[in-house]
Amino acid sequence: MTQENVETRFAVHEAVCAERYQKIEDRLNDGSKRMKNIEIMLYIIIAAVLLGPGAAAMFIKKLIGL
């Protein structure tokens, strides 16, 4: 293999890996957002179980600012 061929193949490899890592990072960020939503839902369910549905409704109203 010539020096130019190796450099070309390496440049292509770097571009492919950069795109792959960007997609992985995007998926991790999306997963983090979903986990935050699940965490909020769990807090609401815990409040409903421990304090009753009325107290949970008041908690939700305070949480969203109504």
C-alpha atoms as a PDB file:
ATOM      1  CA  MET A   1       0.000   0.000   0.000  1.00  0.00           C
ATOM      2  CA  THR A   2       1.241   3.439  -0.827  1.00  0.00           C
ATOM      3  CA  GLN A   3       1.457   6.312   1.622  1.00  0.00           C
ATOM      4  CA  GLU A   4      -1.312   8.168  -0.193  1.00  0.00           C
ATOM      5  CA  ASN A   5      -3.605   5.126  -0.111  1.00  0.00           C
ATOM      6  CA  VAL A   6      -3.053   4.677   3.623  1.00  0.00           C
ATOM      7  CA  GLU A   7      -3.774   8.360   4.301  1.00  0.00           C
ATOM      8  CA  THR A   8      -6.956   8.222   2.240  1.00  0.00           C
ATOM      9  CA  ARG A   9      -8.205   5.093   3.986  1.00  0.00           C
ATOM     10  CA  PHE A  10      -7.359   6.571   7.376  1.00  0.00           C
ATOM     11  CA  ALA A  11      -9.231   9.801   6.568  1.00  0.00           C
ATOM     12  CA  VAL A  12     -12.308   7.795   5.542  1.00  0.00           C
ATOM     13  CA  HIS A  13     -12.023   5.729   8.707  1.00  0.00           C
ATOM     14  CA  GLU A  14     -11.854   8.876  10.858  1.00  0.00           C
ATOM     15  CA  ALA A  15     -14.930  10.352   9.146  1.00  0.00           C
ATOM     16  CA  VAL A  16     -16.953   7.165   9.623  1.00  0.00           C
ATOM     17  CA  CYS A  17     -15.945   6.890  13.289  1.00  0.00           C
ATOM     18  CA  ALA A  18     -16.740  10.558  13.949  1.00  0.00           C
ATOM     19  CA  GLU A  19     -20.234  10.073  12.547  1.00  0.00           C
ATOM     20  CA  ARG A  20     -20.711   6.878  14.556  1.00  0.00           C
ATOM     21  CA  TYR A  21     -19.620   8.514  17.810  1.00  0.00           C
ATOM     22  CA  GLN A  22     -21.895  11.500  17.173  1.00  0.00           C
ATOM     23  CA  LYS A  23     -24.884   9.172  16.741  1.00  0.00           C
ATOM     24  CA  ILE A  24     -23.968   7.326  19.944  1.00  0.00           C
ATOM     25  CA  GLU A  25     -23.768  10.612  21.824  1.00  0.00           C
ATOM     26  CA  ASP A  26     -27.135  11.728  20.428  1.00  0.00           C
ATOM     27  CA  ARG A  27     -28.766   8.472  21.533  1.00  0.00           C
ATOM     28  CA  LEU A  28     -27.298   8.814  25.025  1.00  0.00           C
ATOM     29  CA  ASN A  29     -28.689  12.359  25.289  1.00  0.00           C
ATOM     30  CA  ASP A  30     -32.131  11.163  24.162  1.00  0.00           C
ATOM     31  CA  GLY A  31     -32.007   8.381  26.741  1.00  0.00           C
ATOM     32  CA  SER A  32     -31.138  10.895  29.430  1.00  0.00           C
ATOM     33  CA  LYS A  33     -34.206  12.970  28.569  1.00  0.00           C
ATOM     34  CA  ARG A  34     -36.431   9.881  28.753  1.00  0.00           C
ATOM     35  CA  MET A  35     -34.959   8.905  32.113  1.00  0.00           C
ATOM     36  CA  LYS A  36     -35.765  12.381  33.470  1.00  0.00           C
ATOM     37  CA  ASN A  37     -39.402  11.962  32.380  1.00  0.00           C
ATOM     38  CA  ILE A  38     -39.574   8.532  34.023  1.00  0.00           C
ATOM     39  CA  GLU A  39     -38.101  10.000  37.219  1.00  0.00           C
ATOM     40  CA  ILE A  40     -40.794  12.694  37.343  1.00  0.00           C
ATOM     41  CA  MET A  41     -43.533  10.101  36.797  1.00  0.00           C
ATOM     42  CA  LEU A  42     -42.140   7.976  39.623  1.00  0.00           C
ATOM     43  CA  TYR A  43     -42.230  10.948  42.016  1.00  0.00           C
ATOM     44  CA  ILE A  44     -45.870  11.563  41.119  1.00  0.00           C
ATOM     45  CA  ILE A  45     -46.749   7.891  41.654  1.00  0.00           C
ATOM     46  CA  ILE A  46     -44.935   7.851  45.004  1.00  0.00           C
ATOM     47  CA  ALA A  47     -46.827  10.947  46.096  1.00  0.00           C
ATOM     48  CA  ALA A  48     -50.129   9.382  45.025  1.00  0.00           C
ATOM     49  CA  VAL A  49     -49.422   6.158  46.906  1.00  0.00           C
ATOM     50  CA  LEU A  50     -48.106   7.772  50.087  1.00  0.00           C
ATOM     51  CA  LEU A  51     -50.373  10.802  50.341  1.00  0.00           C
ATOM     52  CA  GLY A  52     -53.448   9.820  48.360  1.00  0.00           C
ATOM     53  CA  PRO A  53     -54.733  11.006  45.002  1.00  0.00           C
ATOM     54  CA  GLY A  54     -55.881  14.432  46.272  1.00  0.00           C
ATOM     55  CA  ALA A  55     -52.469  15.328  47.654  1.00  0.00           C
ATOM     56  CA  ALA A  56     -50.830  14.079  44.465  1.00  0.00           C
ATOM     57  CA  ALA A  57     -53.112  16.329  42.405  1.00  0.00           C
ATOM     58  CA  MET A  58     -52.127  19.324  44.533  1.00  0.00           C
ATOM     59  CA  PHE A  59     -48.455  18.384  44.099  1.00  0.00           C
ATOM     60  CA  ILE A  60     -48.860  18.233  40.322  1.00  0.00           C
ATOM     61  CA  LYS A  61     -50.623  21.600  40.259  1.00  0.00           C
ATOM     62  CA  LYS A  62     -47.754  23.163  42.228  1.00  0.00           C
ATOM     63  CA  LEU A  63     -45.219  21.416  40.014  1.00  0.00           C
ATOM     64  CA  ILE A  64     -46.657  22.814  36.771  1.00  0.00           C
ATOM     65  CA  GLY A  65     -47.578  26.175  38.310  1.00  0.00           C
ATOM     66  CA  LEU A  66     -51.390  26.147  38.355  1.00  0.00           C
END
